[in-house]
Every structure is written in structure tokens, then in C-alpha cells.
Amino acid sequence: MRAPTEAPPATALPRLLALSPAAAPGLAAHLERWGPPPPGGPGLTGEVERAGLRGRGGAAFPTALKMRAVAARGAGRAVVVGNGVEREPVSFKDKALLASAPHLVLDGLVLAAEAVGASEAVLCIDRGAPDALRGVATALTERSRHMPDPVPVRVAPAPGAYVAGEESALVHWLNGGPAKPTYVPPRPFERGVGRRPTLVDNVETLAHVALIARFGAEWFRALGTPADPGSCLLSIGGDVTRPGVYEAPYGAGLADLIGMAGPSQAPQAVLVGGYSGAWVPVGAVSSLRFDSESLAGVEAGVGCAAISVLGAGRCGLMETARAVRWMAGQSAGQCGPCANGLPALAEAFDQLVRGGHGSRAERRVAELAQVVAGRGACHHPDGVIRMATSAIRVFAAEVAHHRELGPCGGHPGALTVPAGRPVWR
């Protein structure tokens, strides 16, 4: 068995998916690869802070700050929630991680619980992800027999709605309500599950916590950039021949990442960050790195680390209209920006695709962007506005074509748009 101080080469990849790309290894193989988890405690928070770990769920909030906030209020009452409710249609990294490396996620969940003084840990997994649920259930059975965790862990299969993974929505559901975002404050770290201080962390974030606890901050920072240290899991799909989950350091060239998945036709644009992300024109791709600083230069961001390639034979306007319509239907409908603004935005995009409306639909999109962004109960409408306005900017030629000549006859399908309505409980 490898001692926990014998770190693997710091620049070697993969880290998180090192054992199996398809099936979860048993506990013995996990311990042989990584060694047993070290004793937990509050000292881990300082190491996580030195590592510069940021959340991998999309918001990129500093993990150590969340841990400190919960620990300061926890006093043995805290709860830690592992968030594996991945409802972004073009992201599948969390499901892959839970299915192939459940022990690493569970290590991080328990270590984070010990660090903040939690007495309970909950791992929330999309109930529509059978491989992830099966892998975690098997791992928990093994651990109970051979390596009992110092903090009890339970699994909560979560409902299928896009916003169900938002942390206040997840807490609300765990407290018996629908999986819809709630107005804040109070935030989960103040009053969360059972009205107790609650740390909510993405499952990939927790897997990184498990490695930082074993090998330290310097090892973690050997990959990535100063602002975005470490590696990350990426979901790469769209018009590619090898869609899947890849692991890469932050700061890797965007063109290189796309090349790993093998474009099936010449790209014309890339959607970065999923349906709350932004379109990037293909002409900018070669000069961009996959990190927050580089992507900010084209009004994009890392987001949920999903990269969707749009081939030259597609209509970006049509793809965006489909995604916006789906996102409008996924809102919790609790505030005006979601209940009224997003359906109006979807209608404006439908008009853009149909054409024959002059510039009215374009003006309508611009007006809605002004009145919707920043005014919702959660950030759901902000993400939709970001994607929509980036489409107007990047696909300006398509907008003009549809305005003057009507529908282009493009064939949609680069982006996944699920069927069905959201399930809140």
C-alpha cells in the first residue's frame, strides 16, 4: 500500500480519473493508488487555502472561505453536503467521477466534515444517474466493512430540475421542500440543513480536497495557473468524434482541448461553460487558454467546465433558441425575471430564427438583457442572458441572414436539449 506521503508526480495526469475511466475500482485498488486518507481536522482548511482550491461546480468560490464560515458557526452541529446533482445538459463530469472514483469523493466529503466539525455528511446525486448511484452505494458498503468513516454519510437521490443543484435549492429540498432556490440571506453556511450551518461543495471539489489532504498544497499547485491552480474535469461534446470527460490543467490551450475530442467537422464556434456560459467564435479559440483570466477577455468563463463544439454546418442561432427555450422551462418560476423574462427571451429567439421581424427581435433581446440580468432570486436568469447575448454577438451574420431571408434550413443537434419537464421533489 502506498503511504500517503509518497505523492505521485505532481505534474502527472490524470489525477481524479487515474484508476478507471469506466467502472469504479474497489477500496483495495483505491488505497493502493492513493494510500489511506490522513486523519482529519481543522488544519486541513489552511492547506486547502494555500492550495487555492476553488469550487468546481460553476461558481468558482474559494473553498477554504466556505469551510471557515461553516466551522465558525458549526460547534459540532454542522452538516456537509456533497453536490453531485449535475443537471446541466452538456456536462457529465460529476456523474463520471462518482461512477469511476467514488472513494475519492467520499474521502473528501468525510475529510471536509472533520475539518468543519460536522456531525453528518450527505451526498446528493442525480436520481437519473444509475451508474453514479451504484458506484457510491458499493463504495459505502465496502467502507462500512473495512474502513468505517468517522462521520456518517448518507446518500440522497435528488430530483431532476436544472436549478436543483443550486445550493439553496438543494438545502431546501433536503429540508423537505421543493428543489427550488430560496431567497438569501440566510445562506446555507448560516442556516442550512435542519437549520444548521451547512457546507455545500461540488463532488469534484471534494475529490480535490482528498488529494490536497494527502499530498499538500504545493503538489496541487504544480498544475494550473496562479489564479486557477490545479487540474479540472471537462465535459467535451457537440460536433466531435470522441465526446467524453477529460482531465486537464487550468491554462491548457482551448484549441488543444477541442483537439483531444476530435472535431467531426470544421468548428465555427464553441459554447464554453454550458447553458449558463457563452459562445466563443472559432477565430478566437487558438489564442485562448482554459482559465478564468483568458476567457474573461472574450466575455466568457470556466463555468461548469463544459465545452460544446458547433460545426460549420450548424446554425448557432437555432441551437441557442433551443437551449434558451429549454432553460426558460427549467426555471423555478418564483420571480419575475424567470417567470416572465425567460419565456419572453425564448419567444424573441424563436422570432430571430423564423426571421421576417426586422430588428424588433434583436431589440427585444437587448431590452430583456437589461431588465432581467441581476434581478432574479438566483443566478439562473443571468446565465441564460449570458448565453443569449453572446449568441447575438458571435452569430451576427446568422442574425442578419435570418432577418433578411428567413430560416436558413440548418439542422439542429450539436447541443443536447432534454425532453420532459423539471421534477422538483
Protein backbone atom coordinates (compact mmCIF):
# COMPACT_ATOMS: atom_id res chain seq x y z
CA MET A 1 0.00 0.00 0.00
CA ARG A 2 1.28 3.45 -0.87
CA ALA A 3 1.97 5.67 2.14
CA PRO A 4 0.12 8.98 1.95
CA THR A 5 3.40 10.93 1.93
CA GLU A 6 4.57 9.22 -1.28
CA ALA A 7 2.98 11.61 -3.70
CA PRO A 8 2.70 10.70 -7.38
CA PRO A 9 4.47 13.10 -9.75
CA ALA A 10 2.83 16.49 -9.27
CA THR A 11 2.55 17.20 -12.97
CA ALA A 12 1.23 13.78 -13.95
CA LEU A 13 -2.30 13.45 -15.28
CA PRO A 14 -4.88 12.19 -14.80
CA ARG A 15 -5.31 12.79 -11.11
CA LEU A 16 -9.00 12.33 -10.42
CA LEU A 17 -9.62 9.68 -13.05
CA ALA A 18 -6.37 7.79 -12.59
CA LEU A 19 -7.79 4.36 -11.85
CA SER A 20 -10.59 3.58 -14.25
CA PRO A 21 -12.42 5.55 -16.92
CA ALA A 22 -15.44 3.27 -16.93
CA ALA A 23 -16.04 1.45 -13.66
CA ALA A 24 -15.41 2.18 -10.00
CA PRO A 25 -12.39 0.39 -8.53
CA GLY A 26 -12.75 -1.35 -5.21
CA LEU A 27 -11.49 0.04 -1.94
CA ALA A 28 -8.27 -2.01 -2.11
CA ALA A 29 -7.33 -0.56 -5.51
CA HIS A 30 -8.21 2.94 -4.31
CA LEU A 31 -5.95 2.61 -1.26
CA GLU A 32 -3.18 1.07 -3.33
CA ARG A 33 -3.23 4.07 -5.65
CA TRP A 34 -3.67 6.90 -3.15
CA GLY A 35 -2.96 5.47 0.30
CA PRO A 36 -5.38 5.83 3.21
CA PRO A 37 -6.82 9.27 3.94
CA PRO A 38 -4.90 11.12 6.66
CA PRO A 39 -6.53 12.00 9.98
CA GLY A 40 -8.95 14.86 9.52
CA GLY A 41 -9.16 18.09 11.45
CA PRO A 42 -9.29 21.87 11.21
CA GLY A 43 -5.73 22.08 9.88
CA LEU A 44 -6.97 20.88 6.50
CA THR A 45 -8.70 24.21 5.88
CA GLY A 46 -5.38 26.05 5.90
CA GLU A 47 -3.90 23.59 3.42
CA VAL A 48 -6.92 23.98 1.14
CA GLU A 49 -6.49 27.74 1.36
CA ARG A 50 -2.81 27.53 0.44
CA ALA A 51 -3.74 25.27 -2.47
CA GLY A 52 -6.06 27.98 -3.80
CA LEU A 53 -8.81 25.44 -4.47
CA ARG A 54 -11.97 26.96 -5.93
CA GLY A 55 -15.32 25.27 -6.33
CA ARG A 56 -15.70 23.10 -9.42
CA GLY A 57 -19.47 23.39 -9.63
CA GLY A 58 -19.53 26.59 -11.67
CA ALA A 59 -19.31 29.48 -9.20
CA ALA A 60 -15.56 29.03 -8.50
CA PHE A 61 -15.91 30.33 -4.92
CA PRO A 62 -12.81 29.79 -2.72
CA THR A 63 -13.38 26.50 -0.91
CA ALA A 64 -11.46 27.43 2.23
CA LEU A 65 -13.62 30.52 2.79
CA LYS A 66 -16.74 28.37 2.81
CA MET A 67 -15.10 25.89 5.18
CA ARG A 68 -14.08 28.63 7.62
CA ALA A 69 -17.53 30.20 7.57
CA VAL A 70 -19.18 26.89 8.49
CA ALA A 71 -16.58 25.96 11.10
CA ALA A 72 -17.01 29.32 12.83
CA ARG A 73 -20.71 28.58 13.34
CA GLY A 74 -20.66 24.79 13.49
CA ALA A 75 -19.59 23.89 17.04
CA GLY A 76 -20.22 20.21 16.29
CA ARG A 77 -23.60 20.89 14.68
CA ALA A 78 -22.51 21.44 11.09
CA VAL A 79 -23.56 19.42 8.07
CA VAL A 80 -21.55 18.85 4.89
CA VAL A 81 -23.38 18.27 1.61
CA GLY A 82 -21.62 16.83 -1.42
CA ASN A 83 -23.32 18.22 -4.50
CA GLY A 84 -23.45 15.70 -7.34
CA VAL A 85 -26.73 16.98 -8.78
CA GLU A 86 -25.46 17.61 -12.28
CA ARG A 87 -28.41 18.79 -14.38
CA GLU A 88 -26.53 20.84 -16.96
CA PRO A 89 -27.35 19.04 -20.24
CA VAL A 90 -23.84 19.32 -21.71
CA SER A 91 -21.97 18.46 -18.51
CA PHE A 92 -21.39 14.89 -17.35
CA LYS A 93 -18.13 15.14 -15.40
CA ASP A 94 -19.66 14.72 -11.94
CA LYS A 95 -21.56 11.59 -12.94
CA ALA A 96 -18.38 10.14 -14.43
CA LEU A 97 -16.38 10.96 -11.30
CA LEU A 98 -18.94 9.42 -8.95
CA ALA A 99 -19.13 6.30 -11.11
CA SER A 100 -15.37 5.84 -11.52
CA ALA A 101 -13.83 7.30 -8.33
CA PRO A 102 -16.48 7.22 -5.57
CA HIS A 103 -13.95 6.55 -2.82
CA LEU A 104 -12.04 9.72 -3.65
CA VAL A 105 -15.23 11.78 -3.39
CA LEU A 106 -16.20 10.07 -0.13
CA ASP A 107 -12.71 10.68 1.29
CA GLY A 108 -13.06 14.38 0.54
CA LEU A 109 -16.59 14.53 1.93
CA VAL A 110 -15.54 12.98 5.24
CA LEU A 111 -12.32 14.99 5.50
CA ALA A 112 -14.24 18.23 4.89
CA ALA A 113 -16.76 17.19 7.55
CA GLU A 114 -13.99 16.61 10.07
CA ALA A 115 -12.37 19.93 9.15
CA VAL A 116 -15.52 21.97 9.86
CA GLY A 117 -16.67 19.93 12.85
CA ALA A 118 -19.67 18.39 11.12
CA SER A 119 -21.61 15.52 12.65
CA GLU A 120 -23.31 14.49 9.42
CA ALA A 121 -22.47 14.25 5.72
CA VAL A 122 -24.93 13.94 2.85
CA LEU A 123 -24.02 13.04 -0.73
CA CYS A 124 -26.67 14.25 -3.18
CA ILE A 125 -26.68 12.51 -6.55
CA ASP A 126 -28.94 12.99 -9.55
CA ARG A 127 -31.52 10.23 -9.24
CA GLY A 128 -31.29 9.78 -13.01
CA ALA A 129 -27.62 8.70 -12.81
CA PRO A 130 -27.74 4.95 -12.07
CA ASP A 131 -24.01 4.33 -12.58
CA ALA A 132 -23.11 7.05 -10.08
CA LEU A 133 -25.66 5.83 -7.53
CA ARG A 134 -24.49 2.23 -7.93
CA GLY A 135 -20.81 3.13 -7.62
CA VAL A 136 -21.33 5.15 -4.45
CA ALA A 137 -23.58 2.52 -2.87
CA THR A 138 -20.96 -0.17 -3.45
CA ALA A 139 -18.22 2.08 -2.10
CA LEU A 140 -20.17 2.86 1.08
CA THR A 141 -20.78 -0.85 1.69
CA GLU A 142 -17.05 -1.57 1.34
CA ARG A 143 -16.13 1.26 3.65
CA SER A 144 -18.59 0.20 6.34
CA ARG A 145 -16.99 -3.25 6.39
CA HIS A 146 -13.31 -2.40 6.06
CA MET A 147 -12.73 1.31 6.74
CA PRO A 148 -15.62 2.85 8.72
CA ASP A 149 -15.84 6.59 8.24
CA PRO A 150 -15.62 8.79 11.37
CA VAL A 151 -18.56 10.86 10.13
CA PRO A 152 -21.71 9.07 8.95
CA VAL A 153 -22.55 9.50 5.27
CA ARG A 154 -25.95 9.11 3.67
CA VAL A 155 -26.91 9.29 0.00
CA ALA A 156 -29.83 11.43 -1.16
CA PRO A 157 -31.00 10.81 -4.78
CA ALA A 158 -32.05 14.29 -5.90
CA PRO A 159 -34.82 15.33 -8.31
CA GLY A 160 -34.38 16.27 -11.94
CA ALA A 161 -34.51 20.02 -12.41
CA TYR A 162 -31.80 22.30 -13.76
CA VAL A 163 -31.76 24.57 -10.71
CA ALA A 164 -31.99 21.66 -8.23
CA GLY A 165 -28.21 21.73 -7.88
CA GLU A 166 -28.12 25.38 -6.78
CA GLU A 167 -27.02 25.21 -3.15
CA SER A 168 -30.04 26.92 -1.58
CA ALA A 169 -32.36 24.74 -3.70
CA LEU A 170 -30.54 21.61 -2.57
CA VAL A 171 -30.77 22.63 1.09
CA HIS A 172 -34.45 23.48 0.68
CA TRP A 173 -35.09 20.03 -0.77
CA LEU A 174 -33.13 18.27 1.98
CA ASN A 175 -35.32 20.16 4.46
CA GLY A 176 -38.46 18.73 2.87
CA GLY A 177 -39.35 21.44 0.36
CA PRO A 178 -39.21 21.52 -3.44
CA ALA A 179 -35.74 21.72 -5.00
CA LYS A 180 -36.12 25.41 -5.82
CA PRO A 181 -33.74 28.23 -4.90
CA THR A 182 -34.65 30.30 -1.87
CA TYR A 183 -34.03 33.96 -1.24
CA VAL A 184 -30.83 34.68 0.67
CA PRO A 185 -29.80 35.56 3.31
CA PRO A 186 -29.66 33.36 5.27
CA ARG A 187 -27.18 31.37 3.24
CA PRO A 188 -26.55 27.66 3.85
CA PHE A 189 -23.42 28.34 5.91
CA GLU A 190 -25.61 30.36 8.27
CA ARG A 191 -28.75 28.20 8.32
CA GLY A 192 -28.87 25.18 6.11
CA VAL A 193 -29.89 21.53 6.52
CA GLY A 194 -32.00 21.25 9.66
CA ARG A 195 -31.30 24.97 10.26
CA ARG A 196 -27.69 24.03 11.00
CA PRO A 197 -24.55 25.58 9.44
CA THR A 198 -24.03 23.72 6.18
CA LEU A 199 -21.10 23.40 3.79
CA VAL A 200 -22.20 22.61 0.23
CA ASP A 201 -19.38 21.57 -2.10
CA ASN A 202 -19.36 20.08 -5.58
CA VAL A 203 -18.20 16.46 -5.72
CA GLU A 204 -15.18 17.28 -7.88
CA THR A 205 -14.16 19.92 -5.34
CA LEU A 206 -14.33 17.28 -2.61
CA ALA A 207 -12.20 14.86 -4.63
CA HIS A 208 -9.54 17.56 -4.88
CA VAL A 209 -9.80 18.09 -1.10
CA ALA A 210 -8.99 14.41 -0.66
CA LEU A 211 -5.81 14.75 -2.75
CA ILE A 212 -4.75 18.02 -1.10
CA ALA A 213 -5.11 16.35 2.31
CA ARG A 214 -2.77 13.57 1.19
CA PHE A 215 -0.17 15.44 -0.84
CA GLY A 216 -0.41 19.09 0.12
CA ALA A 217 -0.93 22.49 -1.46
CA GLU A 218 2.38 22.65 -3.32
CA TRP A 219 1.65 19.35 -5.07
CA PHE A 220 -1.79 20.59 -6.07
CA ARG A 221 -0.48 23.92 -7.42
CA ALA A 222 2.12 22.26 -9.63
CA LEU A 223 -0.57 22.25 -12.31
CA GLY A 224 -2.73 25.13 -13.44
CA THR A 225 -2.20 28.87 -13.20
CA PRO A 226 -1.63 31.12 -10.16
CA ALA A 227 -5.26 32.29 -10.27
CA ASP A 228 -6.70 28.89 -11.23
CA PRO A 229 -4.44 26.24 -9.73
CA GLY A 230 -4.80 22.51 -10.21
CA SER A 231 -6.49 20.35 -12.79
CA CYS A 232 -10.15 20.12 -13.70
CA LEU A 233 -12.55 17.72 -15.31
CA LEU A 234 -14.04 18.85 -18.61
CA SER A 235 -17.10 17.63 -20.46
CA ILE A 236 -16.36 17.98 -24.17
CA GLY A 237 -19.16 17.33 -26.65
CA GLY A 238 -21.09 18.69 -29.58
CA ASP A 239 -19.72 18.10 -33.07
CA VAL A 240 -16.80 15.90 -32.01
CA THR A 241 -15.90 12.28 -32.66
CA ARG A 242 -14.79 11.47 -29.09
CA PRO A 243 -17.20 13.15 -26.67
CA GLY A 244 -16.46 12.46 -23.03
CA VAL A 245 -14.83 13.58 -19.81
CA TYR A 246 -11.24 14.73 -19.94
CA GLU A 247 -8.87 15.96 -17.25
CA ALA A 248 -6.56 18.88 -17.98
CA PRO A 249 -4.70 21.59 -16.11
CA TYR A 250 -6.21 25.04 -15.98
CA GLY A 251 -4.39 27.16 -18.52
CA ALA A 252 -4.40 24.48 -21.22
CA GLY A 253 -4.99 25.79 -24.73
CA LEU A 254 -8.65 25.76 -25.69
CA ALA A 255 -7.75 24.54 -29.18
CA ASP A 256 -5.75 21.66 -27.69
CA LEU A 257 -8.69 20.60 -25.53
CA ILE A 258 -11.02 20.61 -28.50
CA GLY A 259 -8.44 18.64 -30.47
CA MET A 260 -8.47 15.86 -27.85
CA ALA A 261 -12.14 15.23 -28.62
CA GLY A 262 -11.60 15.32 -32.41
CA PRO A 263 -13.96 17.75 -34.17
CA SER A 264 -16.19 15.90 -36.62
CA GLN A 265 -16.38 18.95 -38.89
CA ALA A 266 -14.70 22.33 -39.03
CA PRO A 267 -15.81 24.28 -35.94
CA GLN A 268 -17.43 27.68 -36.31
CA ALA A 269 -17.90 28.44 -32.58
CA VAL A 270 -17.61 26.89 -29.13
CA LEU A 271 -20.01 27.15 -26.21
CA VAL A 272 -17.91 27.37 -23.04
CA GLY A 273 -19.49 26.85 -19.63
CA GLY A 274 -22.71 25.14 -20.61
CA TYR A 275 -26.13 26.73 -20.92
CA SER A 276 -25.11 29.42 -18.44
CA GLY A 277 -21.93 30.07 -20.39
CA ALA A 278 -21.02 31.98 -23.52
CA TRP A 279 -20.33 31.37 -27.20
CA VAL A 280 -16.77 31.95 -28.40
CA PRO A 281 -16.06 32.44 -32.14
CA VAL A 282 -13.70 29.94 -33.69
CA GLY A 283 -11.34 32.74 -34.72
CA ALA A 284 -10.58 33.43 -31.06
CA VAL A 285 -10.06 29.82 -29.98
CA SER A 286 -6.39 29.47 -30.94
CA SER A 287 -5.39 32.38 -28.70
CA LEU A 288 -7.37 31.31 -25.64
CA ARG A 289 -6.45 29.24 -22.61
CA PHE A 290 -8.95 27.41 -20.46
CA ASP A 291 -8.77 29.61 -17.38
CA SER A 292 -10.80 32.47 -15.98
CA GLU A 293 -8.35 35.22 -16.91
CA SER A 294 -8.02 34.25 -20.56
CA LEU A 295 -11.72 33.54 -21.12
CA ALA A 296 -12.74 36.82 -19.50
CA GLY A 297 -11.14 38.56 -22.49
CA VAL A 298 -13.93 37.21 -24.72
CA GLU A 299 -16.69 37.70 -22.12
CA ALA A 300 -16.73 34.01 -21.22
CA GLY A 301 -15.70 31.97 -18.21
CA VAL A 302 -14.86 28.48 -16.98
CA GLY A 303 -18.33 27.86 -15.53
CA CYS A 304 -19.17 24.18 -15.23
CA ALA A 305 -16.16 23.28 -17.43
CA ALA A 306 -18.27 22.12 -20.37
CA ILE A 307 -17.05 22.70 -23.92
CA SER A 308 -19.52 22.21 -26.77
CA VAL A 309 -18.21 22.41 -30.34
CA LEU A 310 -20.51 23.82 -33.04
CA GLY A 311 -19.66 22.57 -36.51
CA ALA A 312 -19.71 24.73 -39.62
CA GLY A 313 -22.84 23.02 -40.90
CA ARG A 314 -24.95 24.10 -37.93
CA CYS A 315 -26.99 27.24 -37.24
CA GLY A 316 -25.79 28.79 -34.00
CA LEU A 317 -28.92 30.89 -33.75
CA MET A 318 -31.15 27.83 -33.94
CA GLU A 319 -29.05 25.92 -31.39
CA THR A 320 -29.24 28.84 -28.98
CA ALA A 321 -33.00 29.22 -29.44
CA ARG A 322 -33.50 25.56 -28.50
CA ALA A 323 -31.32 25.92 -25.40
CA VAL A 324 -32.97 29.18 -24.30
CA ARG A 325 -36.45 27.66 -24.67
CA TRP A 326 -35.41 24.68 -22.54
CA MET A 327 -33.80 26.88 -19.90
CA ALA A 328 -36.95 29.01 -19.69
CA GLY A 329 -38.91 25.85 -18.94
CA GLN A 330 -36.45 24.84 -16.22
CA SER A 331 -36.86 27.97 -14.10
CA ALA A 332 -38.44 27.76 -10.67
CA GLY A 333 -40.95 30.41 -11.73
CA GLN A 334 -40.65 32.18 -8.38
CA CYS A 335 -39.72 35.67 -9.56
CA GLY A 336 -40.44 37.95 -12.49
CA PRO A 337 -37.10 37.55 -14.31
CA CYS A 338 -37.67 33.77 -14.54
CA ALA A 339 -41.47 33.58 -14.76
CA ASN A 340 -41.83 36.36 -17.33
CA GLY A 341 -38.41 37.37 -18.62
CA LEU A 342 -37.10 33.99 -19.76
CA PRO A 343 -40.22 32.95 -21.72
CA ALA A 344 -40.14 36.37 -23.41
CA LEU A 345 -36.48 35.82 -24.25
CA ALA A 346 -37.28 32.40 -25.70
CA GLU A 347 -40.01 33.92 -27.87
CA ALA A 348 -37.63 36.63 -29.09
CA PHE A 349 -35.13 33.95 -30.15
CA ASP A 350 -37.83 31.96 -31.87
CA GLN A 351 -38.65 35.12 -33.85
CA LEU A 352 -34.98 35.56 -34.73
CA VAL A 353 -34.88 32.03 -36.12
CA ARG A 354 -38.12 32.44 -38.07
CA GLY A 355 -36.98 35.80 -39.47
CA GLY A 356 -39.15 38.44 -41.07
CA HIS A 357 -39.36 40.61 -37.96
CA GLY A 358 -36.88 43.30 -38.96
CA SER A 359 -34.76 44.32 -35.99
CA ARG A 360 -37.57 44.06 -33.45
CA ALA A 361 -36.49 40.68 -32.08
CA GLU A 362 -32.89 41.83 -31.71
CA ARG A 363 -34.02 44.93 -29.83
CA ARG A 364 -36.24 42.75 -27.65
CA VAL A 365 -33.29 40.56 -26.68
CA ALA A 366 -31.26 43.65 -25.76
CA GLU A 367 -34.14 45.07 -23.70
CA LEU A 368 -34.65 41.82 -21.82
CA ALA A 369 -30.94 41.57 -21.08
CA GLN A 370 -31.17 44.94 -19.35
CA VAL A 371 -34.24 44.19 -17.25
CA VAL A 372 -33.58 40.53 -16.37
CA ALA A 373 -29.86 40.26 -15.55
CA GLY A 374 -29.02 40.54 -11.87
CA ARG A 375 -32.62 40.68 -10.68
CA GLY A 376 -33.58 37.08 -10.14
CA ALA A 377 -33.90 35.18 -6.86
CA CYS A 378 -30.94 33.09 -8.07
CA HIS A 379 -28.44 33.33 -10.94
CA HIS A 380 -30.42 31.16 -13.35
CA PRO A 381 -31.70 34.06 -15.48
CA ASP A 382 -28.24 35.66 -15.50
CA GLY A 383 -26.75 32.57 -17.11
CA VAL A 384 -29.43 32.40 -19.79
CA ILE A 385 -28.93 36.07 -20.61
CA ARG A 386 -25.17 35.50 -20.86
CA MET A 387 -25.59 32.70 -23.40
CA ALA A 388 -28.24 34.60 -25.36
CA THR A 389 -26.34 37.86 -25.68
CA SER A 390 -23.14 36.03 -26.63
CA ALA A 391 -25.08 34.34 -29.44
CA ILE A 392 -26.25 37.70 -30.82
CA ARG A 393 -22.65 38.87 -30.78
CA VAL A 394 -20.95 35.76 -32.17
CA PHE A 395 -23.61 34.83 -34.73
CA ALA A 396 -24.25 38.34 -36.03
CA ALA A 397 -24.03 37.14 -39.64
CA GLU A 398 -26.68 34.46 -38.97
CA VAL A 399 -28.91 37.05 -37.29
CA ALA A 400 -28.70 39.24 -40.40
CA HIS A 401 -29.35 36.26 -42.69
CA HIS A 402 -32.46 35.23 -40.76
CA ARG A 403 -33.67 38.82 -40.58
CA GLU A 404 -33.42 39.34 -44.32
CA LEU A 405 -34.05 35.88 -45.75
CA GLY A 406 -35.89 33.92 -43.09
CA PRO A 407 -34.98 30.46 -41.75
CA CYS A 408 -31.71 29.04 -43.02
CA GLY A 409 -32.71 25.38 -43.03
CA GLY A 410 -29.97 24.41 -40.56
CA HIS A 411 -30.10 21.05 -38.81
CA PRO A 412 -30.05 21.31 -35.01
CA GLY A 413 -28.41 18.72 -32.83
CA ALA A 414 -24.99 19.92 -31.66
CA LEU A 415 -26.42 20.79 -28.24
CA THR A 416 -28.34 18.35 -26.08
CA VAL A 417 -31.84 19.54 -25.19
CA PRO A 418 -33.52 17.01 -22.88
CA ALA A 419 -37.20 16.15 -23.08
CA GLY A 420 -39.63 16.41 -20.20
CA ARG A 421 -40.43 18.92 -17.50
CA PRO A 422 -38.50 19.65 -14.31
CA VAL A 423 -39.17 17.50 -11.26
CA TRP A 424 -38.97 19.43 -8.01
CA ARG A 425 -39.32 16.70 -5.39
